[in-house]
Amino acid sequence: MFPGLGKGLNPRKMASMMKQMGIDINEIENVEEVIIRTPEKDIIFKDAQVSIMDARGMKTYQVVGTPLEVAREAKIPEDDVKLVMEQTKASESDARNALKETKGDIAAAIMKLSKAG
């Protein structure tokens, strides 16, 4: 795309060419942390360097750093815990653990605790 790029193009010349094409790149200063959340995990960058490339109104964020992946624990609603407790006469901790093991499936948690008792 850019002739001579592989031969050590002058950064100023590169910036000038990008500016002519309507592309601006800016660093975000003093970034402390970047977190990308998915239902299964968080991807955390503690040493992130973030830049924004604005190409005619379309902004693209670039994150550079060392990622740390952390599994996310499913949130179990209190109403679900109470329902499992009522149906099985289990303790709160047993009901919560059964819901965690069944990934929040109330019926499976009730069946699991009913078989155990």
PDB file of N, CA and C in Angstrom:
ATOM      1  N   MET A   1       0.822  -1.194   0.000  1.00  0.00           N
ATOM      2  CA  MET A   1       0.000   0.000   0.000  1.00  0.00           C
ATOM      3  C   MET A   1       0.865   1.255   0.000  1.00  0.00           C
ATOM      4  N   PHE A   2       1.947   1.211   0.782  1.00  0.00           N
ATOM      5  CA  PHE A   2       2.846   2.357   0.826  1.00  0.00           C
ATOM      6  C   PHE A   2       4.185   1.958   0.236  1.00  0.00           C
ATOM      7  N   PRO A   3       4.553   2.534  -0.897  1.00  0.00           N
ATOM      8  CA  PRO A   3       5.843   2.173  -1.486  1.00  0.00           C
ATOM      9  C   PRO A   3       6.986   2.523  -0.548  1.00  0.00           C
ATOM     10  N   GLY A   4       7.943   1.606  -0.423  1.00  0.00           N
ATOM     11  CA  GLY A   4       9.112   1.864   0.405  1.00  0.00           C
ATOM     12  C   GLY A   4       8.892   1.625   1.883  1.00  0.00           C
ATOM     13  N   LEU A   5       7.717   1.127   2.253  1.00  0.00           N
ATOM     14  CA  LEU A   5       7.423   0.923   3.674  1.00  0.00           C
ATOM     15  C   LEU A   5       8.385  -0.072   4.305  1.00  0.00           C
ATOM     16  N   GLY A   6       8.716  -1.136   3.577  1.00  0.00           N
ATOM     17  CA  GLY A   6       9.615  -2.145   4.107  1.00  0.00           C
ATOM     18  C   GLY A   6      11.053  -1.676   4.191  1.00  0.00           C
ATOM     19  N   LYS A   7      11.368  -0.556   3.612  1.00  0.00           N
ATOM     20  CA  LYS A   7      12.742  -0.059   3.575  1.00  0.00           C
ATOM     21  C   LYS A   7      12.969   1.068   4.564  1.00  0.00           C
ATOM     22  N   GLY A   8      12.193   1.094   5.649  1.00  0.00           N
ATOM     23  CA  GLY A   8      12.425   2.095   6.686  1.00  0.00           C
ATOM     24  C   GLY A   8      11.910   3.472   6.327  1.00  0.00           C
ATOM     25  N   LEU A   9      10.636   3.576   5.996  1.00  0.00           N
ATOM     26  CA  LEU A   9      10.019   4.852   5.661  1.00  0.00           C
ATOM     27  C   LEU A   9      10.123   5.801   6.850  1.00  0.00           C
ATOM     28  N   ASN A  10      10.484   7.010   6.574  1.00  0.00           N
ATOM     29  CA  ASN A  10      10.601   8.052   7.585  1.00  0.00           C
ATOM     30  C   ASN A  10       9.245   8.213   8.293  1.00  0.00           C
ATOM     31  N   PRO A  11       9.203   8.137   9.631  1.00  0.00           N
ATOM     32  CA  PRO A  11       7.938   8.265  10.352  1.00  0.00           C
ATOM     33  C   PRO A  11       7.194   9.567  10.050  1.00  0.00           C
ATOM     34  N   ARG A  12       7.932  10.656   9.850  1.00  0.00           N
ATOM     35  CA  ARG A  12       7.277  11.924   9.516  1.00  0.00           C
ATOM     36  C   ARG A  12       6.594  11.846   8.165  1.00  0.00           C
ATOM     37  N   LYS A  13       7.285  11.224   7.201  1.00  0.00           N
ATOM     38  CA  LYS A  13       6.721  11.083   5.864  1.00  0.00           C
ATOM     39  C   LYS A  13       5.486  10.180   5.923  1.00  0.00           C
ATOM     40  N   MET A  14       5.583   9.123   6.706  1.00  0.00           N
ATOM     41  CA  MET A  14       4.446   8.217   6.871  1.00  0.00           C
ATOM     42  C   MET A  14       3.252   8.963   7.464  1.00  0.00           C
ATOM     43  N   ALA A  15       3.490   9.746   8.506  1.00  0.00           N
ATOM     44  CA  ALA A  15       2.424  10.530   9.135  1.00  0.00           C
ATOM     45  C   ALA A  15       1.824  11.506   8.144  1.00  0.00           C
ATOM     46  N   SER A  16       2.666  12.121   7.338  1.00  0.00           N
ATOM     47  CA  SER A  16       2.196  13.069   6.324  1.00  0.00           C
ATOM     48  C   SER A  16       1.315  12.370   5.295  1.00  0.00           C
ATOM     49  N   MET A  17       1.742  11.185   4.840  1.00  0.00           N
ATOM     50  CA  MET A  17       0.954  10.435   3.858  1.00  0.00           C
ATOM     51  C   MET A  17      -0.404  10.041   4.446  1.00  0.00           C
ATOM     52  N   MET A  18      -0.402   9.611   5.702  1.00  0.00           N
ATOM     53  CA  MET A  18      -1.649   9.207   6.335  1.00  0.00           C
ATOM     54  C   MET A  18      -2.575  10.409   6.503  1.00  0.00           C
ATOM     55  N   LYS A  19      -1.999  11.546   6.841  1.00  0.00           N
ATOM     56  CA  LYS A  19      -2.779  12.777   7.014  1.00  0.00           C
ATOM     57  C   LYS A  19      -3.451  13.149   5.690  1.00  0.00           C
ATOM     58  N   GLN A  20      -2.705  13.016   4.587  1.00  0.00           N
ATOM     59  CA  GLN A  20      -3.246  13.319   3.257  1.00  0.00           C
ATOM     60  C   GLN A  20      -4.415  12.394   2.917  1.00  0.00           C
ATOM     61  N   MET A  21      -4.372  11.175   3.424  1.00  0.00           N
ATOM     62  CA  MET A  21      -5.447  10.222   3.159  1.00  0.00           C
ATOM     63  C   MET A  21      -6.591  10.372   4.163  1.00  0.00           C
ATOM     64  N   GLY A  22      -6.487  11.329   5.064  1.00  0.00           N
ATOM     65  CA  GLY A  22      -7.545  11.568   6.041  1.00  0.00           C
ATOM     66  C   GLY A  22      -7.478  10.645   7.246  1.00  0.00           C
ATOM     67  N   ILE A  23      -6.279  10.139   7.560  1.00  0.00           N
ATOM     68  CA  ILE A  23      -6.117   9.222   8.697  1.00  0.00           C
ATOM     69  C   ILE A  23      -5.288   9.906   9.779  1.00  0.00           C
ATOM     70  N   ASP A  24      -5.829   9.972  10.975  1.00  0.00           N
ATOM     71  CA  ASP A  24      -5.112  10.518  12.132  1.00  0.00           C
ATOM     72  C   ASP A  24      -4.896   9.394  13.140  1.00  0.00           C
ATOM     73  N   ILE A  25      -3.700   9.356  13.736  1.00  0.00           N
ATOM     74  CA  ILE A  25      -3.420   8.388  14.795  1.00  0.00           C
ATOM     75  C   ILE A  25      -2.979   9.153  16.034  1.00  0.00           C
ATOM     76  N   ASN A  26      -3.651   8.868  17.152  1.00  0.00           N
ATOM     77  CA  ASN A  26      -3.332   9.533  18.411  1.00  0.00           C
ATOM     78  C   ASN A  26      -3.211   8.499  19.519  1.00  0.00           C
ATOM     79  N   GLU A  27      -2.228   8.698  20.391  1.00  0.00           N
ATOM     80  CA  GLU A  27      -2.038   7.826  21.561  1.00  0.00           C
ATOM     81  C   GLU A  27      -2.931   8.329  22.690  1.00  0.00           C
ATOM     82  N   ILE A  28      -3.456   7.411  23.467  1.00  0.00           N
ATOM     83  CA  ILE A  28      -4.164   7.775  24.691  1.00  0.00           C
ATOM     84  C   ILE A  28      -3.134   7.703  25.813  1.00  0.00           C
ATOM     85  N   GLU A  29      -2.929   8.808  26.489  1.00  0.00           N
ATOM     86  CA  GLU A  29      -1.904   8.896  27.525  1.00  0.00           C
ATOM     87  C   GLU A  29      -2.390   8.313  28.845  1.00  0.00           C
ATOM     88  N   ASN A  30      -1.463   7.805  29.641  1.00  0.00           N
ATOM     89  CA  ASN A  30      -1.700   7.349  31.015  1.00  0.00           C
ATOM     90  C   ASN A  30      -2.775   6.267  31.146  1.00  0.00           C
ATOM     91  N   VAL A  31      -2.810   5.337  30.190  1.00  0.00           N
ATOM     92  CA  VAL A  31      -3.766   4.229  30.280  1.00  0.00           C
ATOM     93  C   VAL A  31      -3.339   3.331  31.445  1.00  0.00           C
ATOM     94  N   GLU A  32      -4.260   3.071  32.366  1.00  0.00           N
ATOM     95  CA  GLU A  32      -3.959   2.239  33.527  1.00  0.00           C
ATOM     96  C   GLU A  32      -4.272   0.768  33.268  1.00  0.00           C
ATOM     97  N   GLU A  33      -5.367   0.517  32.515  1.00  0.00           N
ATOM     98  CA  GLU A  33      -5.790  -0.863  32.326  1.00  0.00           C
ATOM     99  C   GLU A  33      -6.829  -0.907  31.204  1.00  0.00           C
ATOM    100  N   VAL A  34      -6.813  -1.993  30.431  1.00  0.00           N
ATOM    101  CA  VAL A  34      -7.838  -2.235  29.416  1.00  0.00           C
ATOM    102  C   VAL A  34      -8.414  -3.619  29.697  1.00  0.00           C
ATOM    103  N   ILE A  35      -9.750  -3.705  29.734  1.00  0.00           N
ATOM    104  CA  ILE A  35     -10.405  -4.989  29.985  1.00  0.00           C
ATOM    105  C   ILE A  35     -11.358  -5.272  28.831  1.00  0.00           C
ATOM    106  N   ILE A  36     -11.212  -6.455  28.252  1.00  0.00           N
ATOM    107  CA  ILE A  36     -12.145  -6.934  27.237  1.00  0.00           C
ATOM    108  C   ILE A  36     -12.948  -8.035  27.907  1.00  0.00           C
ATOM    109  N   ARG A  37     -14.274  -7.855  27.964  1.00  0.00           N
ATOM    110  CA  ARG A  37     -15.132  -8.820  28.665  1.00  0.00           C
ATOM    111  C   ARG A  37     -15.921  -9.654  27.661  1.00  0.00           C
ATOM    112  N   THR A  38     -15.912 -10.965  27.888  1.00  0.00           N
ATOM    113  CA  THR A  38     -16.775 -11.877  27.152  1.00  0.00           C
ATOM    114  C   THR A  38     -17.570 -12.639  28.207  1.00  0.00           C
ATOM    115  N   PRO A  39     -18.608 -13.371  27.812  1.00  0.00           N
ATOM    116  CA  PRO A  39     -19.360 -14.117  28.826  1.00  0.00           C
ATOM    117  C   PRO A  39     -18.508 -15.140  29.585  1.00  0.00           C
ATOM    118  N   GLU A  40     -17.466 -15.678  28.941  1.00  0.00           N
ATOM    119  CA  GLU A  40     -16.660 -16.726  29.564  1.00  0.00           C
ATOM    120  C   GLU A  40     -15.417 -16.215  30.288  1.00  0.00           C
ATOM    121  N   LYS A  41     -14.853 -15.084  29.822  1.00  0.00           N
ATOM    122  CA  LYS A  41     -13.579 -14.632  30.403  1.00  0.00           C
ATOM    123  C   LYS A  41     -13.397 -13.129  30.260  1.00  0.00           C
ATOM    124  N   ASP A  42     -12.470 -12.606  31.047  1.00  0.00           N
ATOM    125  CA  ASP A  42     -11.988 -11.233  30.908  1.00  0.00           C
ATOM    126  C   ASP A  42     -10.570 -11.311  30.369  1.00  0.00           C
ATOM    127  N   ILE A  43     -10.241 -10.421  29.446  1.00  0.00           N
ATOM    128  CA  ILE A  43      -8.869 -10.307  28.951  1.00  0.00           C
ATOM    129  C   ILE A  43      -8.374  -8.951  29.441  1.00  0.00           C
ATOM    130  N   ILE A  44      -7.371  -8.978  30.331  1.00  0.00           N
ATOM    131  CA  ILE A  44      -6.925  -7.769  31.023  1.00  0.00           C
ATOM    132  C   ILE A  44      -5.520  -7.398  30.566  1.00  0.00           C
ATOM    133  N   PHE A  45      -5.353  -6.131  30.176  1.00  0.00           N
ATOM    134  CA  PHE A  45      -4.052  -5.575  29.809  1.00  0.00           C
ATOM    135  C   PHE A  45      -3.694  -4.541  30.866  1.00  0.00           C
ATOM    136  N   LYS A  46      -2.711  -4.850  31.736  1.00  0.00           N
ATOM    137  CA  LYS A  46      -2.278  -3.904  32.776  1.00  0.00           C
ATOM    138  C   LYS A  46      -1.257  -2.913  32.224  1.00  0.00           C
ATOM    139  N   ASP A  47      -0.499  -3.345  31.199  1.00  0.00           N
ATOM    140  CA  ASP A  47       0.577  -2.517  30.648  1.00  0.00           C
ATOM    141  C   ASP A  47       0.204  -1.992  29.255  1.00  0.00           C
ATOM    142  N   ALA A  48      -1.061  -1.679  29.062  1.00  0.00           N
ATOM    143  CA  ALA A  48      -1.571  -1.356  27.726  1.00  0.00           C
ATOM    144  C   ALA A  48      -1.082  -0.015  27.197  1.00  0.00           C
ATOM    145  N   GLN A  49      -0.799  -0.035  25.906  1.00  0.00           N
ATOM    146  CA  GLN A  49      -0.584   1.192  25.142  1.00  0.00           C
ATOM    147  C   GLN A  49      -1.724   1.227  24.137  1.00  0.00           C
ATOM    148  N   VAL A  50      -2.498   2.307  24.142  1.00  0.00           N
ATOM    149  CA  VAL A  50      -3.686   2.388  23.293  1.00  0.00           C
ATOM    150  C   VAL A  50      -3.560   3.566  22.343  1.00  0.00           C
ATOM    151  N   SER A  51      -3.834   3.287  21.077  1.00  0.00           N
ATOM    152  CA  SER A  51      -3.858   4.360  20.088  1.00  0.00           C
ATOM    153  C   SER A  51      -5.181   4.301  19.336  1.00  0.00           C
ATOM    154  N   ILE A  52      -5.613   5.467  18.861  1.00  0.00           N
ATOM    155  CA  ILE A  52      -6.857   5.579  18.107  1.00  0.00           C
ATOM    156  C   ILE A  52      -6.505   6.016  16.694  1.00  0.00           C
ATOM    157  N   MET A  53      -6.956   5.244  15.715  1.00  0.00           N
ATOM    158  CA  MET A  53      -6.785   5.628  14.321  1.00  0.00           C
ATOM    159  C   MET A  53      -8.147   6.103  13.836  1.00  0.00           C
ATOM    160  N   ASP A  54      -8.222   7.361  13.422  1.00  0.00           N
ATOM    161  CA  ASP A  54      -9.458   7.954  12.930  1.00  0.00           C
ATOM    162  C   ASP A  54      -9.322   8.118  11.420  1.00  0.00           C
ATOM    163  N   ALA A  55     -10.028   7.278  10.684  1.00  0.00           N
ATOM    164  CA  ALA A  55      -9.997   7.337   9.219  1.00  0.00           C
ATOM    165  C   ALA A  55     -11.343   7.861   8.745  1.00  0.00           C
ATOM    166  N   ARG A  56     -11.411   9.169   8.584  1.00  0.00           N
ATOM    167  CA  ARG A  56     -12.620   9.851   8.114  1.00  0.00           C
ATOM    168  C   ARG A  56     -13.848   9.492   8.950  1.00  0.00           C
ATOM    169  N   GLY A  57     -13.702   9.582  10.260  1.00  0.00           N
ATOM    170  CA  GLY A  57     -14.825   9.366  11.170  1.00  0.00           C
ATOM    171  C   GLY A  57     -14.960   7.944  11.689  1.00  0.00           C
ATOM    172  N   MET A  58     -14.272   6.983  11.087  1.00  0.00           N
ATOM    173  CA  MET A  58     -14.310   5.603  11.562  1.00  0.00           C
ATOM    174  C   MET A  58     -13.127   5.416  12.504  1.00  0.00           C
ATOM    175  N   LYS A  59     -13.428   5.251  13.803  1.00  0.00           N
ATOM    176  CA  LYS A  59     -12.365   5.124  14.795  1.00  0.00           C
ATOM    177  C   LYS A  59     -12.041   3.660  15.063  1.00  0.00           C
ATOM    178  N   THR A  60     -10.753   3.349  15.050  1.00  0.00           N
ATOM    179  CA  THR A  60     -10.262   2.011  15.367  1.00  0.00           C
ATOM    180  C   THR A  60      -9.303   2.145  16.532  1.00  0.00           C
ATOM    181  N   TYR A  61      -9.518   1.315  17.560  1.00  0.00           N
ATOM    182  CA  TYR A  61      -8.661   1.340  18.736  1.00  0.00           C
ATOM    183  C   TYR A  61      -7.680   0.177  18.647  1.00  0.00           C
ATOM    184  N   GLN A  62      -6.407   0.467  18.902  1.00  0.00           N
ATOM    185  CA  GLN A  62      -5.383  -0.569  18.899  1.00  0.00           C
ATOM    186  C   GLN A  62      -4.811  -0.674  20.314  1.00  0.00           C
ATOM    187  N   VAL A  63      -4.808  -1.907  20.827  1.00  0.00           N
ATOM    188  CA  VAL A  63      -4.289  -2.168  22.168  1.00  0.00           C
ATOM    189  C   VAL A  63      -3.040  -3.026  22.030  1.00  0.00           C
ATOM    190  N   VAL A  64      -1.947  -2.555  22.620  1.00  0.00           N
ATOM    191  CA  VAL A  64      -0.700  -3.305  22.616  1.00  0.00           C
ATOM    192  C   VAL A  64      -0.303  -3.530  24.065  1.00  0.00           C
ATOM    193  N   GLY A  65       0.014  -4.769  24.407  1.00  0.00           N
ATOM    194  CA  GLY A  65       0.408  -5.075  25.769  1.00  0.00           C
ATOM    195  C   GLY A  65       0.392  -6.573  25.999  1.00  0.00           C
ATOM    196  N   THR A  66       0.531  -6.955  27.252  1.00  0.00           N
ATOM    197  CA  THR A  66       0.555  -8.369  27.631  1.00  0.00           C
ATOM    198  C   THR A  66      -0.804  -8.744  28.208  1.00  0.00           C
ATOM    199  N   PRO A  67      -1.559  -9.621  27.523  1.00  0.00           N
ATOM    200  CA  PRO A  67      -2.885  -9.965  28.024  1.00  0.00           C
ATOM    201  C   PRO A  67      -2.837 -11.023  29.122  1.00  0.00           C
ATOM    202  N   LEU A  68      -3.751 -10.903  30.063  1.00  0.00           N
ATOM    203  CA  LEU A  68      -3.951 -11.898  31.109  1.00  0.00           C
ATOM    204  C   LEU A  68      -5.411 -12.326  31.011  1.00  0.00           C
ATOM    205  N   GLU A  69      -5.649 -13.623  30.776  1.00  0.00           N
ATOM    206  CA  GLU A  69      -7.020 -14.117  30.658  1.00  0.00           C
ATOM    207  C   GLU A  69      -7.489 -14.663  32.005  1.00  0.00           C
ATOM    208  N   VAL A  70      -8.675 -14.216  32.415  1.00  0.00           N
ATOM    209  CA  VAL A  70      -9.249 -14.633  33.689  1.00  0.00           C
ATOM    210  C   VAL A  70     -10.663 -15.144  33.413  1.00  0.00           C
ATOM    211  N   ALA A  71     -10.945 -16.385  33.827  1.00  0.00           N
ATOM    212  CA  ALA A  71     -12.277 -16.961  33.641  1.00  0.00           C
ATOM    213  C   ALA A  71     -13.287 -16.178  34.473  1.00  0.00           C
ATOM    214  N   ARG A  72     -14.460 -15.952  33.912  1.00  0.00           N
ATOM    215  CA  ARG A  72     -15.518 -15.246  34.632  1.00  0.00           C
ATOM    216  C   ARG A  72     -16.429 -16.248  35.310  1.00  0.00           C
ATOM    217  N   GLU A  73     -16.832 -15.920  36.505  1.00  0.00           N
ATOM    218  CA  GLU A  73     -17.756 -16.764  37.244  1.00  0.00           C
ATOM    219  C   GLU A  73     -19.177 -16.323  36.929  1.00  0.00           C
ATOM    220  N   ALA A  74     -20.038 -17.285  36.647  1.00  0.00           N
ATOM    221  CA  ALA A  74     -21.434 -16.968  36.341  1.00  0.00           C
ATOM    222  C   ALA A  74     -22.101 -16.333  37.557  1.00  0.00           C
ATOM    223  N   LYS A  75     -22.898 -15.312  37.315  1.00  0.00           N
ATOM    224  CA  LYS A  75     -23.637 -14.672  38.399  1.00  0.00           C
ATOM    225  C   LYS A  75     -24.938 -15.450  38.607  1.00  0.00           C
ATOM    226  N   ILE A  76     -25.179 -15.847  39.832  1.00  0.00           N
ATOM    227  CA  ILE A  76     -26.361 -16.621  40.178  1.00  0.00           C
ATOM    228  C   ILE A  76     -27.347 -15.692  40.902  1.00  0.00           C
ATOM    229  N   PRO A  77     -28.525 -15.450  40.311  1.00  0.00           N
ATOM    230  CA  PRO A  77     -29.509 -14.567  40.962  1.00  0.00           C
ATOM    231  C   PRO A  77     -29.990 -15.151  42.303  1.00  0.00           C
ATOM    232  N   GLU A  78     -30.198 -14.274  43.259  1.00  0.00           N
ATOM    233  CA  GLU A  78     -30.644 -14.693  44.596  1.00  0.00           C
ATOM    234  C   GLU A  78     -31.981 -15.437  44.538  1.00  0.00           C
ATOM    235  N   ASP A  79     -32.874 -14.996  43.638  1.00  0.00           N
ATOM    236  CA  ASP A  79     -34.171 -15.667  43.510  1.00  0.00           C
ATOM    237  C   ASP A  79     -34.002 -17.127  43.099  1.00  0.00           C
ATOM    238  N   ASP A  80     -33.013 -17.395  42.245  1.00  0.00           N
ATOM    239  CA  ASP A  80     -32.758 -18.777  41.825  1.00  0.00           C
ATOM    240  C   ASP A  80     -32.265 -19.613  43.000  1.00  0.00           C
ATOM    241  N   VAL A  81     -31.381 -19.024  43.816  1.00  0.00           N
ATOM    242  CA  VAL A  81     -30.858 -19.731  44.992  1.00  0.00           C
ATOM    243  C   VAL A  81     -32.010 -20.061  45.942  1.00  0.00           C
ATOM    244  N   LYS A  82     -32.892 -19.079  46.190  1.00  0.00           N
ATOM    245  CA  LYS A  82     -34.022 -19.286  47.098  1.00  0.00           C
ATOM    246  C   LYS A  82     -34.960 -20.371  46.576  1.00  0.00           C
ATOM    247  N   LEU A  83     -35.214 -20.366  45.267  1.00  0.00           N
ATOM    248  CA  LEU A  83     -36.100 -21.371  44.683  1.00  0.00           C
ATOM    249  C   LEU A  83     -35.521 -22.777  44.846  1.00  0.00           C
ATOM    250  N   VAL A  84     -34.242 -22.930  44.594  1.00  0.00           N
ATOM    251  CA  VAL A  84     -33.594 -24.238  44.750  1.00  0.00           C
ATOM    252  C   VAL A  84     -33.621 -24.654  46.219  1.00  0.00           C
ATOM    253  N   MET A  85     -33.394 -23.717  47.125  1.00  0.00           N
ATOM    254  CA  MET A  85     -33.437 -24.022  48.563  1.00  0.00           C
ATOM    255  C   MET A  85     -34.833 -24.511  48.963  1.00  0.00           C
ATOM    256  N   GLU A  86     -35.868 -23.796  48.491  1.00  0.00           N
ATOM    257  CA  GLU A  86     -37.241 -24.158  48.834  1.00  0.00           C
ATOM    258  C   GLU A  86     -37.602 -25.543  48.295  1.00  0.00           C
ATOM    259  N   GLN A  87     -37.202 -25.825  47.086  1.00  0.00           N
ATOM    260  CA  GLN A  87     -37.580 -27.086  46.443  1.00  0.00           C
ATOM    261  C   GLN A  87     -36.827 -28.292  47.001  1.00  0.00           C
ATOM    262  N   THR A  88     -35.626 -28.055  47.528  1.00  0.00           N
ATOM    263  CA  THR A  88     -34.788 -29.191  47.958  1.00  0.00           C
ATOM    264  C   THR A  88     -34.502 -29.210  49.450  1.00  0.00           C
ATOM    265  N   LYS A  89     -34.866 -28.139  50.149  1.00  0.00           N
ATOM    266  CA  LYS A  89     -34.552 -27.994  51.583  1.00  0.00           C
ATOM    267  C   LYS A  89     -33.039 -27.972  51.825  1.00  0.00           C
ATOM    268  N   ALA A  90     -32.282 -27.603  50.796  1.00  0.00           N
ATOM    269  CA  ALA A  90     -30.818 -27.519  50.904  1.00  0.00           C
ATOM    270  C   ALA A  90     -30.417 -26.192  51.537  1.00  0.00           C
ATOM    271  N   SER A  91     -29.194 -26.143  52.024  1.00  0.00           N
ATOM    272  CA  SER A  91     -28.664 -24.890  52.583  1.00  0.00           C
ATOM    273  C   SER A  91     -28.384 -23.916  51.441  1.00  0.00           C
ATOM    274  N   GLU A  92     -28.205 -22.657  51.801  1.00  0.00           N
ATOM    275  CA  GLU A  92     -27.928 -21.644  50.784  1.00  0.00           C
ATOM    276  C   GLU A  92     -26.645 -21.957  50.026  1.00  0.00           C
ATOM    277  N   SER A  93     -25.591 -22.364  50.748  1.00  0.00           N
ATOM    278  CA  SER A  93     -24.319 -22.643  50.075  1.00  0.00           C
ATOM    279  C   SER A  93     -24.433 -23.860  49.157  1.00  0.00           C
ATOM    280  N   ASP A  94     -25.180 -24.897  49.578  1.00  0.00           N
ATOM    281  CA  ASP A  94     -25.361 -26.073  48.722  1.00  0.00           C
ATOM    282  C   ASP A  94     -26.159 -25.708  47.467  1.00  0.00           C
ATOM    283  N   ALA A  95     -27.207 -24.909  47.648  1.00  0.00           N
ATOM    284  CA  ALA A  95     -28.025 -24.491  46.506  1.00  0.00           C
ATOM    285  C   ALA A  95     -27.194 -23.654  45.530  1.00  0.00           C
ATOM    286  N   ARG A  96     -26.407 -22.721  46.063  1.00  0.00           N
ATOM    287  CA  ARG A  96     -25.558 -21.867  45.208  1.00  0.00           C
ATOM    288  C   ARG A  96     -24.520 -22.713  44.468  1.00  0.00           C
ATOM    289  N   ASN A  97     -23.893 -23.651  45.174  1.00  0.00           N
ATOM    290  CA  ASN A  97     -22.883 -24.514  44.533  1.00  0.00           C
ATOM    291  C   ASN A  97     -23.506 -25.374  43.433  1.00  0.00           C
ATOM    292  N   ALA A  98     -24.705 -25.906  43.698  1.00  0.00           N
ATOM    293  CA  ALA A  98     -25.380 -26.723  42.682  1.00  0.00           C
ATOM    294  C   ALA A  98     -25.699 -25.880  41.449  1.00  0.00           C
ATOM    295  N   LEU A  99     -26.120 -24.644  41.660  1.00  0.00           N
ATOM    296  CA  LEU A  99     -26.405 -23.754  40.521  1.00  0.00           C
ATOM    297  C   LEU A  99     -25.130 -23.417  39.746  1.00  0.00           C
ATOM    298  N   LYS A 100     -24.026 -23.219  40.460  1.00  0.00           N
ATOM    299  CA  LYS A 100     -22.751 -22.947  39.778  1.00  0.00           C
ATOM    300  C   LYS A 100     -22.320 -24.156  38.960  1.00  0.00           C
ATOM    301  N   GLU A 101     -22.450 -25.352  39.537  1.00  0.00           N
ATOM    302  CA  GLU A 101     -22.044 -26.574  38.843  1.00  0.00           C
ATOM    303  C   GLU A 101     -22.899 -26.849  37.612  1.00  0.00           C
ATOM    304  N   THR A 102     -24.162 -26.421  37.661  1.00  0.00           N
ATOM    305  CA  THR A 102     -25.070 -26.652  36.527  1.00  0.00           C
ATOM    306  C   THR A 102     -25.188 -25.411  35.636  1.00  0.00           C
ATOM    307  N   LYS A 103     -24.269 -24.456  35.849  1.00  0.00           N
ATOM    308  CA  LYS A 103     -24.226 -23.218  35.055  1.00  0.00           C
ATOM    309  C   LYS A 103     -25.559 -22.473  35.073  1.00  0.00           C
ATOM    310  N   GLY A 104     -26.182 -22.442  36.252  1.00  0.00           N
ATOM    311  CA  GLY A 104     -27.410 -21.665  36.444  1.00  0.00           C
ATOM    312  C   GLY A 104     -28.687 -22.389  36.061  1.00  0.00           C
ATOM    313  N   ASP A 105     -28.611 -23.661  35.677  1.00  0.00           N
ATOM    314  CA  ASP A 105     -29.794 -24.436  35.293  1.00  0.00           C
ATOM    315  C   ASP A 105     -30.536 -24.861  36.571  1.00  0.00           C
ATOM    316  N   ILE A 106     -31.667 -24.197  36.834  1.00  0.00           N
ATOM    317  CA  ILE A 106     -32.409 -24.420  38.075  1.00  0.00           C
ATOM    318  C   ILE A 106     -32.894 -25.863  38.180  1.00  0.00           C
ATOM    319  N   ALA A 107     -33.490 -26.376  37.113  1.00  0.00           N
ATOM    320  CA  ALA A 107     -34.022 -27.748  37.148  1.00  0.00           C
ATOM    321  C   ALA A 107     -32.907 -28.763  37.410  1.00  0.00           C
ATOM    322  N   ALA A 108     -31.776 -28.593  36.737  1.00  0.00           N
ATOM    323  CA  ALA A 108     -30.652 -29.522  36.932  1.00  0.00           C
ATOM    324  C   ALA A 108     -30.116 -29.423  38.358  1.00  0.00           C
ATOM    325  N   ALA A 109     -30.077 -28.215  38.916  1.00  0.00           N
ATOM    326  CA  ALA A 109     -29.604 -28.028  40.290  1.00  0.00           C
ATOM    327  C   ALA A 109     -30.543 -28.721  41.275  1.00  0.00           C
ATOM    328  N   ILE A 110     -31.839 -28.586  41.046  1.00  0.00           N
ATOM    329  CA  ILE A 110     -32.830 -29.237  41.925  1.00  0.00           C
ATOM    330  C   ILE A 110     -32.684 -30.749  41.836  1.00  0.00           C
ATOM    331  N   MET A 111     -32.547 -31.264  40.627  1.00  0.00           N
ATOM    332  CA  MET A 111     -32.396 -32.715  40.453  1.00  0.00           C
ATOM    333  C   MET A 111     -31.114 -33.206  41.122  1.00  0.00           C
ATOM    334  N   LYS A 112     -30.040 -32.456  40.954  1.00  0.00           N
ATOM    335  CA  LYS A 112     -28.747 -32.833  41.552  1.00  0.00           C
ATOM    336  C   LYS A 112     -28.860 -32.920  43.072  1.00  0.00           C
ATOM    337  N   LEU A 113     -29.493 -31.930  43.676  1.00  0.00           N
ATOM    338  CA  LEU A 113     -29.619 -31.910  45.131  1.00  0.00           C
ATOM    339  C   LEU A 113     -30.638 -32.944  45.628  1.00  0.00           C
ATOM    340  N   SER A 114     -31.644 -33.204  44.841  1.00  0.00           N
ATOM    341  CA  SER A 114     -32.663 -34.190  45.230  1.00  0.00           C
ATOM    342  C   SER A 114     -32.068 -35.587  45.244  1.00  0.00           C
ATOM    343  N   LYS A 115     -31.169 -35.877  44.292  1.00  0.00           N
ATOM    344  CA  LYS A 115     -30.516 -37.179  44.242  1.00  0.00           C
ATOM    345  C   LYS A 115     -29.543 -37.336  45.407  1.00  0.00           C
ATOM    346  N   ALA A 116     -28.896 -36.212  45.773  1.00  0.00           N
ATOM    347  CA  ALA A 116     -27.898 -36.252  46.848  1.00  0.00           C
ATOM    348  C   ALA A 116     -28.555 -36.507  48.201  1.00  0.00           C
ATOM    349  N   GLY A 117     -29.794 -36.038  48.340  1.00  0.00           N
ATOM    350  CA  GLY A 117     -30.456 -36.139  49.637  1.00  0.00           C
ATOM    351  C   GLY A 117     -31.186 -37.397  49.744  1.00  0.00           C
TER     352      GLY A 117
END
